[in-house]
Amino acid sequence: MAYTIKQGFIAITPDLPFYDYHFDNAFKNHITNADIDKAIRSTDRMESYLEKLFKKLVQKKSWVSHIVMRNKSLSSKEYSYFIKKFYGEYEFACSDTLLGMPSHFLFSVIDSVCKGTLISDDDLPKLITHCNNEKDMRPIRFKGEFYDNLEKALRKGCSSKDYVPKDRFDGQHFTSSFLKEIFKSKRLQEKLKVHTYRGIKGIIGASCHNEEDLYMAQEIGADYCFLSPLKSSNKGHLNLSWSRFSKMASNVNMPVYALGGLDFDDLESAKKNSAAGIAGISMFT
């Protein structure tokens, strides 16, 4: 029997620490032991998050289509650092999981691969930047030949440490407040059109809390949106019932993901109520 993977999830990262340093230049840059300790703690938290993310996905037999980076105003170097760690943990989680599988389960996975139902290279999550002002908007850079080769190499058992990815992300996610600014500004809407790479449009996502937000997201050309809150509390926004959510999501022509205190077990309820899936932070850690 093939190993069925549940789709319909988007992971939102917590604010992850970034602290860049180079041991080789420690003396020249006057880096102290405290700086090194801070860098190590930062790296540990990053790796811990990604390890938990992949292990939870394997545990729940699920997969994420997007990862929205919640950090604000990250530099290209910081995104590069995340991507490098992302590939490293992805590689580790896959190999560690396969090696630890009972034989009958491993055969099930092999069967799935042969039938083309397991995760493929094209299913690697899209990395989305979090954007709450014009300054955070930046040109989109997509994976090209370099990243295709990286993924193929990982599949063949090569180590990701042999590759140092440049910054690569697939789109941007707008907060509800910045969504309103974009909707009111023709200049910002024109700027959105510039955010392409080799003629390919970047993914646009938006956070929504009511019908007005959903309408604005659709009008600016969003490819998906979050509609919240469902179960968790959110200052300034009343919780939505599933029936209310369903009515709102049914009125727009884009995928709407439920957000707010949900877990993997809520996927069926979400899809029954017009959701494309669910998004979350704590559910993946």
Protein backbone atom coordinates (compact mmCIF):
# COMPACT_ATOMS: atom_id res chain seq x y z
CA MET A 1 0.00 0.00 0.00
CA ALA A 2 1.40 3.42 -0.99
CA TYR A 3 2.43 5.92 1.67
CA THR A 4 -0.16 8.71 1.44
CA ILE A 5 1.05 12.21 2.29
CA LYS A 6 -1.46 14.79 3.47
CA GLN A 7 -1.14 18.12 1.66
CA GLY A 8 -2.67 21.49 2.47
CA PHE A 9 -0.33 22.97 5.07
CA ILE A 10 1.68 26.20 5.25
CA ALA A 11 4.31 26.68 7.96
CA ILE A 12 4.93 30.13 9.43
CA THR A 13 8.24 30.41 11.22
CA PRO A 14 8.59 32.11 14.61
CA ASP A 15 11.03 35.02 14.70
CA LEU A 16 14.27 33.11 14.23
CA PRO A 17 17.54 34.63 15.46
CA PHE A 18 20.30 35.42 12.99
CA TYR A 19 23.77 36.31 14.13
CA ASP A 20 26.53 36.23 11.54
CA TYR A 21 30.16 35.63 12.45
CA HIS A 22 33.31 34.12 10.97
CA PHE A 23 35.71 32.26 13.22
CA ASP A 24 38.52 32.75 10.68
CA ASN A 25 38.23 36.53 11.01
CA ALA A 26 37.51 36.58 14.73
CA PHE A 27 40.74 38.38 15.65
CA LYS A 28 40.51 40.95 12.86
CA ASN A 29 36.84 41.70 13.59
CA HIS A 30 37.37 41.77 17.36
CA ILE A 31 34.74 39.07 17.94
CA THR A 32 34.53 38.16 21.61
CA ASN A 33 33.61 34.89 23.31
CA ALA A 34 30.21 36.44 24.05
CA ASP A 35 29.71 37.04 20.31
CA ILE A 36 30.60 33.43 19.54
CA ASP A 37 28.26 32.13 22.26
CA LYS A 38 25.44 34.27 20.85
CA ALA A 39 26.13 32.96 17.34
CA ILE A 40 26.09 29.35 18.52
CA ARG A 41 22.77 29.84 20.37
CA SER A 42 21.34 31.46 17.23
CA THR A 43 22.45 28.51 15.08
CA ASP A 44 21.07 26.02 17.60
CA ARG A 45 17.62 27.66 17.56
CA MET A 46 17.54 27.75 13.78
CA GLU A 47 18.53 24.10 13.45
CA SER A 48 16.18 23.10 16.26
CA TYR A 49 13.21 24.74 14.52
CA LEU A 50 13.92 23.08 11.18
CA GLU A 51 14.57 19.71 12.77
CA LYS A 52 11.25 19.89 14.65
CA LEU A 53 9.46 21.01 11.50
CA PHE A 54 10.65 18.08 9.39
CA LYS A 55 10.22 15.51 12.15
CA LYS A 56 6.66 16.70 12.80
CA LEU A 57 5.85 16.46 9.09
CA VAL A 58 7.22 12.91 8.91
CA GLN A 59 5.35 12.00 12.10
CA LYS A 60 2.07 13.36 10.75
CA LYS A 61 2.65 12.00 7.23
CA SER A 62 2.14 15.55 5.96
CA TRP A 63 3.91 18.15 3.88
CA VAL A 64 4.01 21.94 3.54
CA SER A 65 3.65 23.79 0.25
CA HIS A 66 5.06 27.07 1.59
CA ILE A 67 7.22 28.30 4.47
CA VAL A 68 6.54 31.94 5.36
CA MET A 69 9.55 33.56 7.01
CA ARG A 70 8.14 35.68 9.81
CA ASN A 71 11.34 37.63 10.47
CA LYS A 72 11.12 41.22 9.36
CA SER A 73 13.76 43.03 7.29
CA LEU A 74 16.16 40.11 6.88
CA SER A 75 19.23 40.68 4.74
CA SER A 76 20.08 38.54 1.73
CA LYS A 77 22.88 36.95 3.76
CA GLU A 78 20.41 35.95 6.49
CA TYR A 79 18.03 34.40 3.99
CA SER A 80 20.97 32.53 2.47
CA TYR A 81 21.84 31.22 5.92
CA PHE A 82 18.28 29.97 6.47
CA ILE A 83 18.17 28.28 3.06
CA LYS A 84 21.48 26.52 3.67
CA LYS A 85 20.21 25.22 7.03
CA PHE A 86 16.88 24.33 5.44
CA TYR A 87 18.50 22.08 2.86
CA GLY A 88 20.81 20.58 5.47
CA GLU A 89 17.94 19.63 7.81
CA TYR A 90 15.81 18.45 4.88
CA GLU A 91 18.60 16.12 3.82
CA PHE A 92 19.14 14.91 7.40
CA ALA A 93 15.42 14.35 8.08
CA CYS A 94 14.98 12.32 4.89
CA SER A 95 18.01 10.07 5.43
CA ASP A 96 17.38 9.68 9.17
CA THR A 97 13.75 8.77 8.58
CA LEU A 98 14.45 6.24 5.85
CA LEU A 99 17.18 4.53 7.88
CA GLY A 100 14.93 4.27 10.92
CA MET A 101 11.88 2.88 9.14
CA PRO A 102 10.60 -0.66 9.76
CA SER A 103 11.15 -2.75 6.62
CA HIS A 104 7.44 -2.97 5.73
CA PHE A 105 7.12 0.82 6.00
CA LEU A 106 10.24 1.35 3.90
CA PHE A 107 8.81 -0.91 1.19
CA SER A 108 5.62 1.15 1.32
CA VAL A 109 7.64 4.33 0.71
CA ILE A 110 9.52 2.71 -2.18
CA ASP A 111 6.17 1.66 -3.63
CA SER A 112 4.95 5.25 -3.35
CA VAL A 113 8.06 6.59 -5.09
CA CYS A 114 7.58 4.12 -7.95
CA LYS A 115 3.99 5.26 -8.35
CA GLY A 116 4.98 8.93 -8.20
CA THR A 117 2.84 9.68 -5.14
CA LEU A 118 5.60 10.61 -2.70
CA ILE A 119 7.31 13.99 -2.40
CA SER A 120 9.08 14.91 -5.64
CA ASP A 121 11.76 17.51 -6.34
CA ASP A 122 9.03 19.91 -7.47
CA ASP A 123 7.35 19.65 -4.08
CA LEU A 124 10.10 21.38 -2.08
CA PRO A 125 8.34 24.14 -0.10
CA LYS A 126 8.23 27.62 -1.57
CA LEU A 127 10.08 30.10 0.67
CA ILE A 128 8.07 33.29 1.22
CA THR A 129 9.34 36.50 2.83
CA HIS A 130 7.19 38.34 5.37
CA CYS A 131 6.60 41.94 4.34
CA ASN A 132 4.92 44.69 6.37
CA ASN A 133 6.21 47.85 4.64
CA GLU A 134 7.57 49.08 1.33
CA LYS A 135 11.15 48.80 2.52
CA ASP A 136 10.76 45.03 2.89
CA MET A 137 9.65 44.63 -0.72
CA ARG A 138 12.42 43.25 -2.92
CA PRO A 139 12.88 41.61 -6.32
CA ILE A 140 11.98 37.93 -6.30
CA ARG A 141 14.71 35.43 -7.08
CA PHE A 142 13.67 31.94 -8.08
CA LYS A 143 15.58 28.72 -8.00
CA GLY A 144 17.29 28.16 -11.31
CA GLU A 145 19.81 25.70 -12.65
CA PHE A 146 21.95 26.02 -9.51
CA TYR A 147 19.13 24.92 -7.22
CA ASP A 148 17.88 22.23 -9.57
CA ASN A 149 21.36 20.75 -9.50
CA LEU A 150 21.47 21.06 -5.72
CA GLU A 151 18.21 19.16 -5.31
CA LYS A 152 19.34 16.45 -7.74
CA ALA A 153 22.63 16.13 -5.87
CA LEU A 154 20.81 15.77 -2.55
CA ARG A 155 18.65 13.04 -4.04
CA LYS A 156 21.78 11.20 -5.17
CA GLY A 157 23.23 11.27 -1.67
CA CYS A 158 25.67 14.16 -2.03
CA SER A 159 26.06 16.44 0.96
CA SER A 160 24.43 19.86 1.01
CA LYS A 161 27.52 21.26 2.75
CA ASP A 162 29.26 21.18 -0.64
CA TYR A 163 26.86 23.87 -1.82
CA VAL A 164 26.49 27.43 -0.57
CA PRO A 165 23.12 28.75 -1.80
CA LYS A 166 22.71 32.42 -2.63
CA ASP A 167 19.55 34.15 -1.51
CA ARG A 168 16.55 32.47 -3.09
CA PHE A 169 12.91 32.97 -2.28
CA ASP A 170 9.74 32.57 -4.25
CA GLY A 171 7.45 35.35 -3.12
CA GLN A 172 6.29 37.66 -0.37
CA HIS A 173 3.51 37.67 2.19
CA PHE A 174 1.88 40.97 3.16
CA THR A 175 0.46 41.85 6.57
CA SER A 176 -3.15 43.05 6.60
CA SER A 177 -2.05 46.63 7.38
CA PHE A 178 0.38 46.76 4.46
CA LEU A 179 -2.20 45.06 2.24
CA LYS A 180 -4.43 48.11 2.80
CA GLU A 181 -1.58 50.44 1.79
CA ILE A 182 -0.94 48.51 -1.41
CA PHE A 183 -4.65 48.46 -2.29
CA LYS A 184 -4.81 52.27 -1.96
CA SER A 185 -1.57 52.97 -3.83
CA LYS A 186 -1.27 52.61 -7.61
CA ARG A 187 2.48 53.12 -7.22
CA LEU A 188 2.84 50.12 -4.90
CA GLN A 189 0.63 48.02 -7.18
CA GLU A 190 2.95 48.89 -10.08
CA LYS A 191 5.91 47.99 -7.91
CA LEU A 192 4.39 44.55 -7.37
CA LYS A 193 4.54 43.96 -11.12
CA VAL A 194 8.29 44.60 -11.11
CA HIS A 195 8.81 41.83 -8.58
CA THR A 196 9.42 39.16 -11.15
CA TYR A 197 12.44 37.16 -12.23
CA ARG A 198 13.02 36.26 -15.88
CA GLY A 199 9.42 37.16 -16.60
CA ILE A 200 8.02 34.84 -13.90
CA LYS A 201 5.69 36.37 -11.34
CA GLY A 202 6.54 35.92 -7.68
CA ILE A 203 4.01 34.40 -5.29
CA ILE A 204 1.90 36.96 -3.41
CA GLY A 205 0.24 36.10 -0.10
CA ALA A 206 -1.71 38.21 2.36
CA SER A 207 -3.07 38.08 5.91
CA CYS A 208 -6.81 38.73 6.10
CA HIS A 209 -9.31 39.07 8.94
CA ASN A 210 -12.56 40.15 7.27
CA GLU A 211 -14.40 40.46 3.95
CA GLU A 212 -12.74 43.79 3.14
CA ASP A 213 -9.26 42.28 3.53
CA LEU A 214 -10.20 39.34 1.31
CA TYR A 215 -11.53 41.68 -1.37
CA MET A 216 -8.34 43.78 -1.31
CA ALA A 217 -6.11 40.68 -1.45
CA GLN A 218 -7.99 39.43 -4.50
CA GLU A 219 -7.82 42.84 -6.19
CA ILE A 220 -4.03 43.15 -5.88
CA GLY A 221 -3.63 39.67 -7.37
CA ALA A 222 -2.79 37.58 -4.29
CA ASP A 223 -2.15 33.91 -5.03
CA TYR A 224 -3.33 32.81 -1.59
CA CYS A 225 -4.31 34.33 1.75
CA PHE A 226 -4.61 33.49 5.43
CA LEU A 227 -7.98 34.10 7.09
CA SER A 228 -7.88 34.33 10.88
CA PRO A 229 -8.38 33.90 13.76
CA LEU A 230 -10.21 30.59 14.13
CA LYS A 231 -9.43 29.18 17.57
CA SER A 232 -6.70 31.38 19.02
CA SER A 233 -7.34 34.93 20.20
CA ASN A 234 -6.17 37.94 18.21
CA LYS A 235 -6.31 41.47 19.58
CA GLY A 236 -8.66 43.59 17.54
CA HIS A 237 -10.21 40.67 15.64
CA LEU A 238 -13.09 38.44 16.69
CA ASN A 239 -12.77 34.68 16.33
CA LEU A 240 -14.43 33.20 13.26
CA SER A 241 -16.74 30.20 13.36
CA TRP A 242 -16.27 27.59 10.67
CA SER A 243 -19.60 28.56 9.09
CA ARG A 244 -18.52 32.21 8.97
CA PHE A 245 -15.14 31.23 7.57
CA SER A 246 -16.80 29.10 4.89
CA LYS A 247 -19.08 31.91 3.76
CA MET A 248 -16.18 34.38 3.52
CA ALA A 249 -13.79 31.99 1.76
CA SER A 250 -16.46 31.01 -0.77
CA ASN A 251 -16.79 34.60 -1.97
CA VAL A 252 -13.25 34.92 -3.36
CA ASN A 253 -11.43 33.23 -6.22
CA MET A 254 -8.15 32.35 -4.53
CA PRO A 255 -6.98 29.70 -2.05
CA VAL A 256 -7.84 30.68 1.53
CA TYR A 257 -5.93 29.03 4.39
CA ALA A 258 -7.38 28.90 7.89
CA LEU A 259 -5.11 30.24 10.64
CA GLY A 260 -5.25 30.58 14.40
CA GLY A 261 -4.74 27.82 16.97
CA LEU A 262 -5.25 24.96 14.51
CA ASP A 263 -3.52 21.59 14.32
CA PHE A 264 -3.07 18.77 11.79
CA ASP A 265 -6.35 17.18 12.89
CA ASP A 266 -8.24 20.31 11.80
CA LEU A 267 -7.40 19.85 8.12
CA GLU A 268 -10.55 17.87 7.31
CA SER A 269 -12.83 20.43 9.00
CA ALA A 270 -11.03 23.25 7.22
CA LYS A 271 -11.41 21.68 3.78
CA LYS A 272 -15.10 20.93 4.45
CA ASN A 273 -15.53 24.66 5.05
CA SER A 274 -14.01 25.98 1.82
CA ALA A 275 -10.39 26.24 3.04
CA ALA A 276 -7.49 25.26 0.80
CA GLY A 277 -5.74 24.08 3.96
CA ILE A 278 -4.39 25.38 7.25
CA ALA A 279 -1.42 27.48 8.28
CA GLY A 280 0.27 27.72 11.64
CA ILE A 281 3.33 28.37 13.76
CA SER A 282 3.12 26.28 16.93
CA MET A 283 1.63 23.23 15.20
CA PHE A 284 4.99 22.60 13.51
CA THR A 285 7.17 22.82 16.61
